[in-house]
Amino acid sequence: MAVFEAGKQAKWLIQWLQEVEIFENLPFKIKCDNSAAITLTKNASGHSRVKHTDIKHHWIREGVETGDIKVTYIPSEENIADLFTKALPQPQFEKLVKMMGLHPKPRG
């Protein structure tokens, strides 16, 4: 579901940037830490649970097939989005904050 939402935003952004003649570099890259979700963006056949996924979420595969969108794996340890979606141990939190180019608030 998250890859679908990211793909939806990517598609809108690609169309807008092309309209204002700023962006033509495709594919638009989406990073995901779920290898099963990445596999489903490439090929859904043979996956028994896919039938429970709303059909509107399958269009992301079309974006991958046409080359407009590329979904790649990112390890959870490097996934900056986890800052906003998970409770993290402090060392991991500080690492991701630094990866964003921010500095954690000094203690004390």
C-alpha atoms as a PDB file:
ATOM      1  CA  MET A   1       0.000   0.000   0.000  1.00  0.00           C
ATOM      2  CA  ALA A   2       2.842   2.388   0.824  1.00  0.00           C
ATOM      3  CA  VAL A   3       4.529   1.739  -2.523  1.00  0.00           C
ATOM      4  CA  PHE A   4       1.199   2.482  -4.233  1.00  0.00           C
ATOM      5  CA  GLU A   5       0.859   5.787  -2.385  1.00  0.00           C
ATOM      6  CA  ALA A   6       4.454   6.737  -3.179  1.00  0.00           C
ATOM      7  CA  GLY A   7       3.875   5.774  -6.806  1.00  0.00           C
ATOM      8  CA  LYS A   8       0.761   7.905  -6.934  1.00  0.00           C
ATOM      9  CA  GLN A   9       2.717  10.902  -5.664  1.00  0.00           C
ATOM     10  CA  ALA A  10       5.582  10.124  -8.056  1.00  0.00           C
ATOM     11  CA  LYS A  11       3.227  10.004 -11.031  1.00  0.00           C
ATOM     12  CA  TRP A  12       1.699  13.356 -10.093  1.00  0.00           C
ATOM     13  CA  LEU A  13       5.138  14.899  -9.558  1.00  0.00           C
ATOM     14  CA  ILE A  14       6.478  13.536 -12.867  1.00  0.00           C
ATOM     15  CA  GLN A  15       3.503  14.962 -14.760  1.00  0.00           C
ATOM     16  CA  TRP A  16       3.806  18.339 -13.059  1.00  0.00           C
ATOM     17  CA  LEU A  17       7.568  18.610 -13.580  1.00  0.00           C
ATOM     18  CA  GLN A  18       7.214  17.629 -17.249  1.00  0.00           C
ATOM     19  CA  GLU A  19       4.442  20.182 -17.662  1.00  0.00           C
ATOM     20  CA  VAL A  20       6.693  22.988 -16.402  1.00  0.00           C
ATOM     21  CA  GLU A  21       9.551  21.537 -18.481  1.00  0.00           C
ATOM     22  CA  ILE A  22      11.884  20.937 -15.542  1.00  0.00           C
ATOM     23  CA  PHE A  23      12.101  17.165 -15.323  1.00  0.00           C
ATOM     24  CA  GLU A  24      12.546  14.502 -17.933  1.00  0.00           C
ATOM     25  CA  ASN A  25      14.793  11.982 -16.175  1.00  0.00           C
ATOM     26  CA  LEU A  26      12.925   8.736 -15.745  1.00  0.00           C
ATOM     27  CA  PRO A  27      12.546   6.411 -14.002  1.00  0.00           C
ATOM     28  CA  PHE A  28      11.353   8.026 -10.809  1.00  0.00           C
ATOM     29  CA  LYS A  29      12.946   6.020  -7.998  1.00  0.00           C
ATOM     30  CA  ILE A  30      10.974   4.725  -5.012  1.00  0.00           C
ATOM     31  CA  LYS A  31      12.893   2.990  -2.239  1.00  0.00           C
ATOM     32  CA  CYS A  32      11.157   0.287  -0.208  1.00  0.00           C
ATOM     33  CA  ASP A  33      12.334  -1.958   2.636  1.00  0.00           C
ATOM     34  CA  ASN A  34       9.815  -4.699   1.844  1.00  0.00           C
ATOM     35  CA  SER A  35      11.175  -7.148  -0.722  1.00  0.00           C
ATOM     36  CA  ALA A  36       7.786  -8.860  -1.128  1.00  0.00           C
ATOM     37  CA  ALA A  37       6.182  -5.537  -2.091  1.00  0.00           C
ATOM     38  CA  ILE A  38       8.971  -4.909  -4.605  1.00  0.00           C
ATOM     39  CA  THR A  39       8.412  -8.351  -6.121  1.00  0.00           C
ATOM     40  CA  LEU A  40       4.689  -7.621  -6.479  1.00  0.00           C
ATOM     41  CA  THR A  41       5.445  -4.424  -8.430  1.00  0.00           C
ATOM     42  CA  LYS A  42       7.221  -6.575 -11.002  1.00  0.00           C
ATOM     43  CA  ASN A  43       5.003  -9.669 -11.137  1.00  0.00           C
ATOM     44  CA  ALA A  44       1.906 -10.540  -9.108  1.00  0.00           C
ATOM     45  CA  SER A  45       1.256 -13.967 -10.596  1.00  0.00           C
ATOM     46  CA  GLY A  46       1.730 -16.864  -8.222  1.00  0.00           C
ATOM     47  CA  HIS A  47       1.159 -14.822  -5.075  1.00  0.00           C
ATOM     48  CA  SER A  48      -1.903 -16.158  -3.239  1.00  0.00           C
ATOM     49  CA  ARG A  49      -2.473 -13.023  -1.129  1.00  0.00           C
ATOM     50  CA  VAL A  50      -2.583 -10.620  -4.079  1.00  0.00           C
ATOM     51  CA  LYS A  51      -6.230 -11.422  -4.708  1.00  0.00           C
ATOM     52  CA  HIS A  52      -7.015  -9.597  -1.457  1.00  0.00           C
ATOM     53  CA  THR A  53      -5.360  -6.401  -2.657  1.00  0.00           C
ATOM     54  CA  ASP A  54      -7.665  -3.769  -4.105  1.00  0.00           C
ATOM     55  CA  ILE A  55      -7.314  -3.687  -7.887  1.00  0.00           C
ATOM     56  CA  LYS A  56      -6.482   0.036  -7.864  1.00  0.00           C
ATOM     57  CA  HIS A  57      -3.153  -0.803  -6.209  1.00  0.00           C
ATOM     58  CA  HIS A  58      -2.028  -2.929  -9.140  1.00  0.00           C
ATOM     59  CA  TRP A  59      -1.445   0.033 -11.479  1.00  0.00           C
ATOM     60  CA  ILE A  60       2.014   0.602  -9.971  1.00  0.00           C
ATOM     61  CA  ARG A  61       3.135  -2.472 -11.918  1.00  0.00           C
ATOM     62  CA  GLU A  62       2.295  -0.616 -15.123  1.00  0.00           C
ATOM     63  CA  GLY A  63       4.564   2.267 -14.102  1.00  0.00           C
ATOM     64  CA  VAL A  64       7.367  -0.218 -13.438  1.00  0.00           C
ATOM     65  CA  GLU A  65       6.756  -2.003 -16.770  1.00  0.00           C
ATOM     66  CA  THR A  66       6.804   1.249 -18.769  1.00  0.00           C
ATOM     67  CA  GLY A  67       9.967   2.396 -17.011  1.00  0.00           C
ATOM     68  CA  ASP A  68       8.403   5.507 -15.473  1.00  0.00           C
ATOM     69  CA  ILE A  69       8.891   4.169 -11.932  1.00  0.00           C
ATOM     70  CA  LYS A  70      11.667   2.031 -10.476  1.00  0.00           C
ATOM     71  CA  VAL A  71      11.152   0.422  -7.065  1.00  0.00           C
ATOM     72  CA  THR A  72      14.401  -0.563  -5.355  1.00  0.00           C
ATOM     73  CA  TYR A  73      15.268  -2.172  -2.045  1.00  0.00           C
ATOM     74  CA  ILE A  74      16.654  -0.134   0.831  1.00  0.00           C
ATOM     75  CA  PRO A  75      17.665  -1.798   4.111  1.00  0.00           C
ATOM     76  CA  SER A  76      15.619  -0.690   7.125  1.00  0.00           C
ATOM     77  CA  GLU A  77      18.818   0.600   8.759  1.00  0.00           C
ATOM     78  CA  GLU A  78      19.108   3.189   5.960  1.00  0.00           C
ATOM     79  CA  ASN A  79      15.425   3.983   5.449  1.00  0.00           C
ATOM     80  CA  ILE A  80      14.998   7.611   6.512  1.00  0.00           C
ATOM     81  CA  ALA A  81      11.206   7.265   6.326  1.00  0.00           C
ATOM     82  CA  ASP A  82      11.385   5.082   9.456  1.00  0.00           C
ATOM     83  CA  LEU A  83      12.006   8.290  11.426  1.00  0.00           C
ATOM     84  CA  PHE A  84       8.404   9.246  10.765  1.00  0.00           C
ATOM     85  CA  THR A  85       6.740   5.854  10.967  1.00  0.00           C
ATOM     86  CA  LYS A  86       8.390   3.837  13.751  1.00  0.00           C
ATOM     87  CA  ALA A  87       9.635   4.083  17.289  1.00  0.00           C
ATOM     88  CA  LEU A  88      13.395   3.634  16.954  1.00  0.00           C
ATOM     89  CA  PRO A  89      16.214   2.957  19.392  1.00  0.00           C
ATOM     90  CA  GLN A  90      18.199   6.136  19.995  1.00  0.00           C
ATOM     91  CA  PRO A  91      21.345   5.096  18.056  1.00  0.00           C
ATOM     92  CA  GLN A  92      19.254   4.285  14.957  1.00  0.00           C
ATOM     93  CA  PHE A  93      17.255   7.496  15.358  1.00  0.00           C
ATOM     94  CA  GLU A  94      20.437   9.584  15.568  1.00  0.00           C
ATOM     95  CA  LYS A  95      21.945   7.817  12.548  1.00  0.00           C
ATOM     96  CA  LEU A  96      18.883   8.555  10.400  1.00  0.00           C
ATOM     97  CA  VAL A  97      18.719  12.171  11.617  1.00  0.00           C
ATOM     98  CA  LYS A  98      22.342  12.622  10.499  1.00  0.00           C
ATOM     99  CA  MET A  99      21.548  10.986   7.154  1.00  0.00           C
ATOM    100  CA  MET A 100      18.928  13.695   6.652  1.00  0.00           C
ATOM    101  CA  GLY A 101      21.598  16.315   7.178  1.00  0.00           C
ATOM    102  CA  LEU A 102      20.217  17.383  10.550  1.00  0.00           C
ATOM    103  CA  HIS A 103      21.941  17.326  13.915  1.00  0.00           C
ATOM    104  CA  PRO A 104      20.338  15.843  17.017  1.00  0.00           C
ATOM    105  CA  LYS A 105      19.675  18.213  19.890  1.00  0.00           C
ATOM    106  CA  PRO A 106      22.566  18.098  22.393  1.00  0.00           C
ATOM    107  CA  ARG A 107      21.714  16.400  25.659  1.00  0.00           C
ATOM    108  CA  GLY A 108      21.643  18.358  28.881  1.00  0.00           C
END
